[in-house]
Amino acid sequence: TFDTANYPQEEQLKYGKANPDKFTKYDMSIITVDDKETANKVISRITKGQITFEDAIAEYSDKNYSDSDGKLTNNSQYQIENILKDKENLSSVTALAKDETSAAIETLMGWSIFKNKGDATKPDFSNEDTLKDVQNYISIYETSIIEDYFADIAKNFIKDAKASDLDSAAANYENAVVEDLAAFPLNYGSSPIFEKMDTSKIKVLATADKNEDFLKQAFSLKLNDYSDPIIIGG
């Protein structure tokens, strides 16, 4: 087994540097209301000078995406994009000049009005918080990148294991863990009527009883053969 939690920091850094815009941070305030009509009413009042943006936050905003003062809390570009109903509206937010207010934009919860409070901050990939931001993004939205990385390692491992043996090959791979799995029946979903696979010592296989790819490969292997890499949880 290989644990996807061990995805190397240098790979995360490589992704971040290739996609810096995603991790640019914006200094924004936001007002969120239930409907477009209310949002347009708020914009009209702000435009006419009847109310300040800050007072409108206190009077109208549901504060779904902000702190109590209306400051946008999750302010990386990818986080802003993910609250928009239509991601095509991202540029309408990120292109705002300082102190400029957006039109009413539909978000996942209601309609929102953004105000740019200052210059955007480009990511500093030597900063620990930035690296955590990249890690969070990849682990939530780009899990296939991590899975593909370990699948490629596992494919090379299989070649090496076939050329020598499993234990010898594992010794040459960082984070490779060799575990012994006792004989088990083909029991999809671990029906109580039949004997079950014991995963008490091999937690990574906790959901394997419902993983069709795992079961099909496990029960079609010939003696001393290796399966293809199988993704099971992490």
Protein backbone atom coordinates (compact mmCIF):
# COMPACT_ATOMS: atom_id res chain seq x y z
CA THR A 1 0.00 0.00 0.00
CA PHE A 2 0.93 3.64 -0.62
CA ASP A 3 -0.77 6.40 1.41
CA THR A 4 -1.90 9.41 -0.63
CA ALA A 5 -1.43 11.56 2.49
CA ASN A 6 2.29 11.28 1.73
CA TYR A 7 1.96 13.30 -1.49
CA PRO A 8 5.30 15.15 -1.56
CA GLN A 9 5.48 18.84 -0.80
CA GLU A 10 7.70 19.41 -3.83
CA GLU A 11 4.88 18.10 -6.06
CA GLN A 12 2.44 20.46 -4.36
CA LEU A 13 4.89 23.30 -4.86
CA LYS A 14 5.26 22.41 -8.53
CA TYR A 15 1.48 22.57 -8.96
CA GLY A 16 1.23 25.89 -7.13
CA LYS A 17 3.92 27.51 -9.25
CA ALA A 18 2.23 26.26 -12.42
CA ASN A 19 -1.12 27.71 -11.28
CA PRO A 20 -0.29 30.84 -9.26
CA ASP A 21 -3.52 32.71 -10.08
CA LYS A 22 -5.56 30.14 -8.16
CA PHE A 23 -3.74 31.09 -4.96
CA THR A 24 -3.73 34.87 -5.39
CA LYS A 25 -5.56 36.41 -2.43
CA TYR A 26 -8.01 39.31 -2.65
CA ASP A 27 -8.87 41.92 -0.03
CA MET A 28 -12.65 41.98 -0.44
CA SER A 29 -15.77 42.86 1.47
CA ILE A 30 -19.00 41.11 0.53
CA ILE A 31 -22.73 41.60 1.05
CA THR A 32 -24.94 38.55 0.51
CA VAL A 33 -28.74 38.68 0.36
CA ASP A 34 -31.48 36.24 -0.60
CA ASP A 35 -32.49 37.59 -4.01
CA LYS A 36 -31.35 39.74 -6.93
CA GLU A 37 -34.04 42.37 -6.32
CA THR A 38 -32.71 43.07 -2.83
CA ALA A 39 -29.12 43.07 -4.10
CA ASN A 40 -29.95 45.65 -6.78
CA LYS A 41 -31.78 47.76 -4.18
CA VAL A 42 -28.64 47.74 -1.99
CA ILE A 43 -26.44 48.70 -4.96
CA SER A 44 -28.82 51.54 -5.85
CA ARG A 45 -28.72 52.91 -2.31
CA ILE A 46 -24.93 52.71 -2.21
CA THR A 47 -24.61 54.38 -5.64
CA LYS A 48 -26.94 57.22 -4.60
CA GLY A 49 -24.96 57.76 -1.40
CA GLN A 50 -27.94 56.84 0.78
CA ILE A 51 -25.88 54.23 2.62
CA THR A 52 -22.23 53.21 2.76
CA PHE A 53 -21.10 49.73 1.75
CA GLU A 54 -20.04 49.13 5.34
CA ASP A 55 -23.43 50.13 6.76
CA ALA A 56 -25.14 47.98 4.12
CA ILE A 57 -23.17 44.99 5.41
CA ALA A 58 -24.64 45.50 8.87
CA GLU A 59 -28.17 46.19 7.60
CA TYR A 60 -28.57 43.67 4.78
CA SER A 61 -25.87 40.98 4.62
CA ASP A 62 -26.49 37.37 5.63
CA LYS A 63 -22.70 37.12 6.06
CA ASN A 64 -22.62 33.67 4.46
CA TYR A 65 -19.11 34.21 3.12
CA SER A 66 -17.73 36.81 5.51
CA ASP A 67 -16.85 37.58 9.08
CA SER A 68 -19.08 39.82 11.19
CA ASP A 69 -17.57 42.92 9.55
CA GLY A 70 -18.27 41.70 6.03
CA LYS A 71 -14.68 40.79 5.18
CA LEU A 72 -14.53 37.91 2.69
CA THR A 73 -13.05 35.03 4.69
CA ASN A 74 -12.02 32.48 2.05
CA ASN A 75 -10.30 34.88 -0.30
CA SER A 76 -8.03 32.85 -2.59
CA GLN A 77 -9.07 33.05 -6.24
CA TYR A 78 -10.12 29.40 -6.35
CA GLN A 79 -12.25 29.90 -3.21
CA ILE A 80 -13.98 32.92 -4.73
CA GLU A 81 -14.61 30.98 -7.93
CA ASN A 82 -16.14 28.12 -5.97
CA ILE A 83 -18.84 30.28 -4.35
CA LEU A 84 -20.02 31.64 -7.71
CA LYS A 85 -23.06 30.07 -9.34
CA ASP A 86 -21.56 30.83 -12.75
CA LYS A 87 -17.77 30.63 -12.73
CA GLU A 88 -17.70 32.91 -15.79
CA ASN A 89 -18.37 35.76 -13.34
CA LEU A 90 -14.97 35.35 -11.69
CA SER A 91 -13.34 38.09 -13.75
CA SER A 92 -16.11 40.49 -12.70
CA VAL A 93 -14.84 40.09 -9.15
CA THR A 94 -11.08 39.83 -9.62
CA ALA A 95 -10.92 42.77 -12.05
CA LEU A 96 -12.49 45.24 -9.62
CA ALA A 97 -10.39 48.35 -9.01
CA LYS A 98 -9.67 49.45 -5.46
CA ASP A 99 -12.89 50.68 -3.76
CA GLU A 100 -14.96 49.57 -6.77
CA THR A 101 -18.21 47.68 -6.16
CA SER A 102 -19.47 44.84 -8.34
CA ALA A 103 -22.90 44.33 -9.82
CA ALA A 104 -25.16 41.75 -8.17
CA ILE A 105 -23.61 38.31 -8.75
CA GLU A 106 -25.41 35.05 -8.03
CA THR A 107 -23.52 32.89 -5.54
CA LEU A 108 -24.30 29.42 -4.23
CA MET A 109 -26.16 31.02 -1.34
CA GLY A 110 -28.13 34.01 -2.57
CA TRP A 111 -26.86 37.06 -4.46
CA SER A 112 -23.65 38.84 -3.54
CA ILE A 113 -22.05 42.26 -3.99
CA PHE A 114 -18.26 42.46 -3.79
CA LYS A 115 -16.13 45.48 -2.93
CA ASN A 116 -12.39 45.52 -3.56
CA LYS A 117 -10.62 46.94 -0.51
CA GLY A 118 -7.03 46.76 -1.72
CA ASP A 119 -4.44 45.22 -4.01
CA ALA A 120 -4.39 41.49 -4.65
CA THR A 121 -1.56 39.53 -3.03
CA LYS A 122 0.41 37.19 -5.26
CA PRO A 123 1.24 33.83 -3.65
CA ASP A 124 4.56 33.42 -1.85
CA PHE A 125 5.36 29.74 -2.19
CA SER A 126 8.04 29.97 0.48
CA ASN A 127 5.28 30.82 2.96
CA GLU A 128 3.86 27.93 5.00
CA ASP A 129 0.27 29.25 4.82
CA THR A 130 0.46 29.40 1.02
CA LEU A 131 1.69 25.81 0.87
CA LYS A 132 -1.20 24.75 3.11
CA ASP A 133 -3.57 26.54 0.74
CA VAL A 134 -2.13 24.59 -2.20
CA GLN A 135 -2.34 21.34 -0.24
CA ASN A 136 -5.98 21.96 0.68
CA TYR A 137 -6.87 22.80 -2.91
CA ILE A 138 -5.26 19.69 -4.39
CA SER A 139 -6.63 17.34 -1.72
CA ILE A 140 -10.20 18.62 -2.25
CA TYR A 141 -10.43 19.56 -5.94
CA GLU A 142 -7.59 17.75 -7.71
CA THR A 143 -7.46 14.35 -6.00
CA SER A 144 -6.88 12.67 -9.37
CA ILE A 145 -3.46 14.37 -9.53
CA ILE A 146 -2.47 12.67 -6.28
CA GLU A 147 -3.98 9.35 -7.33
CA ASP A 148 -2.20 9.43 -10.70
CA TYR A 149 1.10 10.24 -8.98
CA PHE A 150 0.89 7.18 -6.74
CA ALA A 151 -0.55 4.98 -9.51
CA ASP A 152 2.58 5.70 -11.57
CA ILE A 153 4.79 4.82 -8.60
CA ALA A 154 2.79 1.63 -8.05
CA LYS A 155 3.19 0.61 -11.71
CA ASN A 156 6.96 0.93 -11.42
CA PHE A 157 6.83 -0.97 -8.15
CA ILE A 158 5.02 -3.86 -9.84
CA LYS A 159 7.75 -4.07 -12.51
CA ASP A 160 10.44 -4.15 -9.83
CA ALA A 161 8.54 -6.71 -7.74
CA LYS A 162 8.16 -9.00 -10.74
CA ALA A 163 11.88 -8.71 -11.40
CA SER A 164 12.79 -9.59 -7.80
CA ASP A 165 10.14 -10.06 -5.13
CA LEU A 166 7.63 -7.96 -3.23
CA ASP A 167 9.66 -7.38 -0.07
CA SER A 168 12.87 -6.51 -1.94
CA ALA A 169 11.03 -4.06 -4.17
CA ALA A 170 9.26 -2.43 -1.22
CA ALA A 171 12.59 -1.74 0.47
CA ASN A 172 13.49 0.56 -2.43
CA TYR A 173 10.28 2.61 -2.27
CA GLU A 174 9.72 5.34 0.29
CA ASN A 175 6.37 5.00 2.11
CA ALA A 176 5.62 1.56 0.64
CA VAL A 177 4.05 -0.64 3.31
CA VAL A 178 3.90 -4.42 2.98
CA GLU A 179 1.01 -6.02 4.86
CA ASP A 180 -0.25 -9.60 5.03
CA LEU A 181 -3.91 -10.08 4.25
CA ALA A 182 -5.42 -13.34 5.45
CA ALA A 183 -7.43 -15.44 3.01
CA PHE A 184 -10.94 -14.05 2.59
CA PRO A 185 -14.12 -14.97 0.70
CA LEU A 186 -15.69 -13.05 -2.15
CA ASN A 187 -18.35 -11.32 -0.05
CA TYR A 188 -19.49 -8.06 -1.60
CA GLY A 189 -20.71 -5.68 1.12
CA SER A 190 -19.64 -8.07 3.91
CA SER A 191 -22.96 -9.88 4.20
CA PRO A 192 -23.28 -11.32 7.75
CA ILE A 193 -24.39 -14.63 6.25
CA PHE A 194 -20.84 -15.32 5.05
CA GLU A 195 -17.34 -14.95 6.40
CA LYS A 196 -15.92 -11.43 6.08
CA MET A 197 -12.54 -10.00 5.11
CA ASP A 198 -10.62 -9.04 8.25
CA THR A 199 -9.44 -5.44 7.90
CA SER A 200 -8.87 -4.77 11.60
CA LYS A 201 -5.10 -4.57 11.06
CA ILE A 202 -5.21 -3.16 7.53
CA LYS A 203 -7.37 -0.06 7.81
CA VAL A 204 -6.71 0.97 4.21
CA LEU A 205 -8.96 -1.90 3.08
CA ALA A 206 -11.88 -0.89 5.29
CA THR A 207 -14.08 -0.13 2.25
CA ALA A 208 -12.60 -2.78 -0.05
CA ASP A 209 -15.59 -5.09 0.40
CA LYS A 210 -17.65 -2.74 -1.81
CA ASN A 211 -14.89 -1.84 -4.25
CA GLU A 212 -15.70 -3.78 -7.41
CA ASP A 213 -12.32 -3.06 -9.01
CA PHE A 214 -10.52 -4.48 -5.96
CA LEU A 215 -12.68 -7.61 -5.76
CA LYS A 216 -12.57 -8.32 -9.51
CA GLN A 217 -8.80 -8.01 -9.63
CA ALA A 218 -8.21 -9.90 -6.39
CA PHE A 219 -10.31 -12.88 -7.48
CA SER A 220 -8.98 -13.08 -11.04
CA LEU A 221 -5.25 -13.04 -10.22
CA LYS A 222 -3.18 -16.05 -11.14
CA LEU A 223 -0.59 -17.46 -8.72
CA ASN A 224 2.25 -14.97 -8.05
CA ASP A 225 0.63 -12.36 -10.27
CA TYR A 226 0.14 -8.68 -9.36
CA SER A 227 -2.96 -6.57 -9.76
CA ASP A 228 -2.95 -3.16 -11.37
CA PRO A 229 -2.83 -0.25 -8.91
CA ILE A 230 -6.21 0.11 -7.19
CA ILE A 231 -7.48 3.33 -5.62
CA ILE A 232 -9.27 2.63 -2.32
CA GLY A 233 -10.02 5.78 -0.34
CA GLY A 234 -6.58 7.22 0.41
